[in-house]
Amino acid sequence: MRCSAFARTGYYHKENVIPCEDYYSIVEEGGLSILAICDGAGNKKGGAVAAKLVSKIVVDYLYENFERLYVMNSSGAKRRIVQKIDNCLKEYGKKEGVTDKELACTIIAIAIDENQRCICLHLGDGVILQYRKNQDVPRVISSPMNGLNSKFTFLTMNCDLNQYLQFYRWKEDISGIFLLMTDGAQGYFTKMKDVSKESFLDAMSKLDKLQTCLDVNYPVDDYSCGIICYNCTEE
């Protein structure tokens, strides 16, 4: 298995000299490949900090507890993940004098082991797609989550994580690619028919191509993408 990702500053932040508020973390060790991408809430002072913290928290926790989380009941597994995220953010907020509500970000994450067992997490905007071998049109694993207002999305500190954090797990016996994107990338990706309809089985070169396309189009929002390639042979 192989992981790769990128996070880029969008047009609005570039023009206003604001650093990228998307962050990703990767772990590839001990037969596990884990990727998490978080998009910090731009209207919160602690959005970027939250994205950086949560991406690392999620990746580390999935790595340390993958077997346990995979075999235990779903509600219990999600509760443990939520408790870890919540405790870490509250501890950081108390230490740094930041209110809980300011530490807000979305979450998209996936972990897969050498037996092709998968765990997936999703909160808020962003999308998780799966390209299976010999299939150009991707399967949607998880779609963006919004409230009654289309401009509202669920974030780490503005909702009940036990209710709104999506938790999936399953076992795969086929080759394929998982593609994770924040909302800044997703909107442009769907318009890029020459890229979005490709198989992505030569994953690393396709990810580079996707980054180039996004860089040329220069989305307003920060944009991030990442892949996990499992049981694939590079073309």
Protein backbone atom coordinates (compact mmCIF):
# COMPACT_ATOMS: atom_id res chain seq x y z
CA MET A 1 0.00 0.00 0.00
CA ARG A 2 1.05 3.56 -0.61
CA CYS A 3 -0.18 6.92 0.72
CA SER A 4 0.29 10.41 -0.63
CA ALA A 5 -1.39 13.78 -0.09
CA PHE A 6 -1.09 17.53 -0.63
CA ALA A 7 -2.56 20.65 0.97
CA ARG A 8 -2.53 23.97 -0.90
CA THR A 9 -3.49 27.56 -0.10
CA GLY A 10 -6.57 28.79 -1.98
CA TYR A 11 -6.97 32.10 -3.78
CA TYR A 12 -8.73 33.92 -0.93
CA HIS A 13 -6.11 33.03 1.67
CA LYS A 14 -3.28 33.74 -0.76
CA GLU A 15 -4.62 37.20 -1.54
CA ASN A 16 -5.11 37.98 2.16
CA VAL A 17 -1.78 36.46 3.25
CA ILE A 18 -3.46 33.74 5.35
CA PRO A 19 -1.70 30.38 5.64
CA CYS A 20 -3.39 27.21 4.42
CA GLU A 21 -5.88 25.92 7.00
CA ASP A 22 -6.06 22.39 5.58
CA TYR A 23 -3.76 19.81 7.16
CA TYR A 24 -3.11 16.13 6.62
CA SER A 25 -1.29 13.39 8.50
CA ILE A 26 -0.07 10.01 7.24
CA VAL A 27 1.16 6.87 8.95
CA GLU A 28 2.49 3.88 7.01
CA GLU A 29 3.83 1.35 9.47
CA GLY A 30 3.22 -2.15 10.81
CA GLY A 31 1.02 -3.22 7.92
CA LEU A 32 -1.23 -0.17 8.30
CA SER A 33 -1.73 2.78 5.97
CA ILE A 34 -3.64 5.69 7.51
CA LEU A 35 -4.51 9.09 6.08
CA ALA A 36 -6.47 11.93 7.68
CA ILE A 37 -7.24 15.33 6.15
CA CYS A 38 -8.87 18.13 8.14
CA ASP A 39 -10.18 21.50 6.96
CA GLY A 40 -10.01 24.22 9.62
CA ALA A 41 -13.04 26.49 9.93
CA GLY A 42 -12.05 29.79 8.33
CA ASN A 43 -14.37 31.82 10.57
CA LYS A 44 -12.76 30.46 13.74
CA LYS A 45 -9.47 31.73 15.17
CA GLY A 46 -8.46 28.19 16.09
CA GLY A 47 -9.55 26.53 12.84
CA ALA A 48 -6.07 25.93 11.46
CA VAL A 49 -4.77 24.74 14.83
CA ALA A 50 -7.71 22.34 15.15
CA ALA A 51 -7.10 20.89 11.69
CA LYS A 52 -3.45 20.27 12.45
CA LEU A 53 -4.19 18.76 15.87
CA VAL A 54 -7.12 16.59 14.82
CA SER A 55 -5.43 15.15 11.73
CA LYS A 56 -2.58 13.95 13.96
CA ILE A 57 -4.90 12.79 16.77
CA VAL A 58 -7.00 10.71 14.37
CA VAL A 59 -4.07 9.10 12.57
CA ASP A 60 -2.26 8.22 15.80
CA TYR A 61 -5.38 6.88 17.48
CA LEU A 62 -6.33 4.71 14.49
CA TYR A 63 -2.79 3.38 14.34
CA GLU A 64 -2.63 2.53 18.04
CA ASN A 65 -6.14 1.05 18.24
CA PHE A 66 -6.96 -0.30 14.77
CA GLU A 67 -7.56 -3.92 15.82
CA ARG A 68 -9.69 -2.96 18.79
CA LEU A 69 -11.77 -0.46 16.82
CA TYR A 70 -12.30 -2.92 13.99
CA VAL A 71 -13.70 -5.76 16.13
CA MET A 72 -15.72 -3.86 18.75
CA ASN A 73 -19.30 -2.66 18.20
CA SER A 74 -19.66 0.47 16.08
CA SER A 75 -21.17 2.71 18.74
CA GLY A 76 -18.42 1.82 21.21
CA ALA A 77 -15.68 2.37 18.63
CA LYS A 78 -17.05 5.75 17.63
CA ARG A 79 -17.47 6.77 21.25
CA ARG A 80 -13.79 6.06 21.95
CA ILE A 81 -12.67 8.07 18.93
CA VAL A 82 -14.93 10.99 19.84
CA GLN A 83 -13.73 10.97 23.43
CA LYS A 84 -10.10 11.08 22.30
CA ILE A 85 -10.69 14.02 19.94
CA ASP A 86 -12.81 15.90 22.46
CA ASN A 87 -10.37 15.43 25.34
CA CYS A 88 -7.35 16.48 23.28
CA LEU A 89 -9.02 19.64 21.97
CA LYS A 90 -10.27 20.64 25.40
CA GLU A 91 -6.84 20.03 26.90
CA TYR A 92 -5.20 22.16 24.21
CA GLY A 93 -7.81 24.91 24.63
CA LYS A 94 -7.29 25.02 28.38
CA LYS A 95 -3.52 25.10 28.03
CA GLU A 96 -3.46 27.80 25.34
CA GLY A 97 -6.42 29.85 26.53
CA VAL A 98 -8.53 29.07 23.46
CA THR A 99 -12.27 28.46 23.80
CA ASP A 100 -13.58 25.07 22.70
CA LYS A 101 -15.78 26.54 19.98
CA GLU A 102 -12.78 28.07 18.22
CA LEU A 103 -11.13 24.68 17.67
CA ALA A 104 -13.32 23.69 14.76
CA CYS A 105 -12.51 21.57 11.71
CA THR A 106 -13.88 18.86 9.43
CA ILE A 107 -12.51 15.31 9.31
CA ILE A 108 -12.02 12.82 6.50
CA ALA A 109 -9.89 9.79 7.28
CA ILE A 110 -9.29 6.21 6.30
CA ALA A 111 -7.16 3.37 7.66
CA ILE A 112 -6.51 0.08 5.86
CA ASP A 113 -4.42 -2.87 6.99
CA GLU A 114 -2.50 -5.51 5.04
CA ASN A 115 -5.59 -7.76 5.11
CA GLN A 116 -7.54 -4.96 3.38
CA ARG A 117 -9.74 -4.27 6.37
CA CYS A 118 -10.91 -0.65 6.30
CA ILE A 119 -11.99 1.95 8.85
CA CYS A 120 -13.30 5.29 7.62
CA LEU A 121 -14.27 8.51 9.45
CA HIS A 122 -16.06 11.57 8.10
CA LEU A 123 -17.38 14.78 9.64
CA GLY A 124 -18.59 17.78 7.67
CA ASP A 125 -17.52 18.82 4.19
CA GLY A 126 -15.26 16.82 1.93
CA VAL A 127 -15.74 13.53 0.15
CA ILE A 128 -14.26 10.02 0.16
CA LEU A 129 -14.26 8.14 -3.14
CA GLN A 130 -13.15 4.65 -4.06
CA TYR A 131 -11.83 3.71 -7.48
CA ARG A 132 -12.03 -0.04 -7.93
CA LYS A 133 -9.92 -1.92 -10.44
CA ASN A 134 -11.23 -1.63 -14.02
CA GLN A 135 -13.88 0.91 -12.98
CA ASP A 136 -13.45 4.52 -14.13
CA VAL A 137 -16.48 5.90 -12.28
CA PRO A 138 -15.76 6.06 -8.54
CA ARG A 139 -17.93 4.73 -5.74
CA VAL A 140 -18.87 7.38 -3.17
CA ILE A 141 -17.94 6.11 0.28
CA SER A 142 -19.01 9.27 2.13
CA SER A 143 -20.55 12.54 0.93
CA PRO A 144 -20.46 16.10 2.36
CA MET A 145 -22.65 16.65 5.41
CA ASN A 146 -24.66 19.84 5.80
CA GLY A 147 -27.43 21.02 8.08
CA LEU A 148 -30.68 22.64 6.95
CA ASN A 149 -28.64 25.62 5.75
CA SER A 150 -26.47 24.59 2.78
CA LYS A 151 -23.74 26.96 3.99
CA PHE A 152 -23.56 25.17 7.34
CA THR A 153 -21.39 22.14 7.91
CA PHE A 154 -20.64 20.01 10.94
CA LEU A 155 -17.34 20.70 12.71
CA THR A 156 -15.52 19.20 15.67
CA MET A 157 -16.78 21.78 18.17
CA ASN A 158 -20.18 22.85 16.80
CA CYS A 159 -22.05 19.54 16.98
CA ASP A 160 -22.50 16.32 18.94
CA LEU A 161 -19.67 14.21 17.53
CA ASN A 162 -21.27 11.01 18.78
CA GLN A 163 -24.21 11.77 16.51
CA TYR A 164 -22.59 13.32 13.46
CA LEU A 165 -19.17 11.69 13.09
CA GLN A 166 -19.64 9.00 10.45
CA PHE A 167 -17.91 5.68 11.20
CA TYR A 168 -17.60 2.94 8.59
CA ARG A 169 -15.67 -0.32 8.47
CA TRP A 170 -15.53 -3.20 6.04
CA LYS A 171 -13.17 -5.66 4.35
CA GLU A 172 -12.07 -5.41 0.71
CA ASP A 173 -10.76 -8.24 -1.46
CA ILE A 174 -10.04 -6.17 -4.58
CA SER A 175 -7.49 -3.69 -5.82
CA GLY A 176 -8.29 -0.02 -5.75
CA ILE A 177 -7.70 3.54 -4.67
CA PHE A 178 -9.29 5.65 -1.95
CA LEU A 179 -9.33 9.35 -2.84
CA LEU A 180 -10.04 11.91 -0.08
CA MET A 181 -10.75 15.58 -0.86
CA THR A 182 -11.68 18.67 1.13
CA ASP A 183 -14.47 20.86 -0.23
CA GLY A 184 -12.02 23.25 -1.89
CA ALA A 185 -10.83 20.47 -4.18
CA GLN A 186 -14.09 18.61 -4.57
CA GLY A 187 -15.97 21.34 -6.43
CA TYR A 188 -13.33 21.63 -9.14
CA PHE A 189 -12.64 17.91 -9.32
CA THR A 190 -16.20 17.10 -10.43
CA LYS A 191 -15.82 19.56 -13.32
CA MET A 192 -12.56 18.03 -14.53
CA LYS A 193 -14.01 15.18 -16.56
CA ASP A 194 -10.62 14.15 -17.95
CA VAL A 195 -9.37 13.67 -14.39
CA SER A 196 -12.44 12.69 -12.37
CA LYS A 197 -13.40 9.82 -14.69
CA GLU A 198 -9.94 8.24 -14.69
CA SER A 199 -9.28 5.00 -12.84
CA PHE A 200 -6.51 6.42 -10.62
CA LEU A 201 -4.82 3.01 -10.53
CA ASP A 202 -1.51 4.66 -11.44
CA ALA A 203 -2.24 6.61 -8.30
CA MET A 204 0.85 8.70 -7.68
CA SER A 205 1.03 10.16 -11.19
CA LYS A 206 -2.73 10.80 -11.20
CA LEU A 207 -2.51 12.63 -7.88
CA ASP A 208 0.23 14.83 -9.34
CA LYS A 209 -1.98 15.52 -12.36
CA LEU A 210 -4.90 16.39 -10.12
CA GLN A 211 -2.76 18.80 -8.12
CA THR A 212 -1.56 20.47 -11.32
CA CYS A 213 -5.14 20.87 -12.56
CA LEU A 214 -6.25 22.38 -9.28
CA ASP A 215 -3.24 24.69 -9.17
CA VAL A 216 -4.14 26.00 -12.64
CA ASN A 217 -7.79 26.55 -11.69
CA TYR A 218 -6.75 28.06 -8.35
CA PRO A 219 -9.82 27.37 -6.13
CA VAL A 220 -10.97 30.14 -3.80
CA ASP A 221 -10.85 27.83 -0.78
CA ASP A 222 -7.80 25.93 0.44
CA TYR A 223 -7.72 22.56 -1.32
CA SER A 224 -6.38 19.20 -0.21
CA CYS A 225 -6.38 15.70 -1.63
CA GLY A 226 -4.92 12.39 -0.54
CA ILE A 227 -4.90 8.77 -1.65
CA ILE A 228 -4.34 5.31 -0.30
CA CYS A 229 -3.50 2.80 -3.01
CA TYR A 230 -3.97 -0.84 -1.99
CA ASN A 231 -3.05 -3.98 -3.90
CA CYS A 232 -2.33 -1.94 -7.03
CA THR A 233 0.46 -2.05 -9.57
CA GLU A 234 1.66 1.28 -10.90
CA GLU A 235 1.28 1.61 -14.66
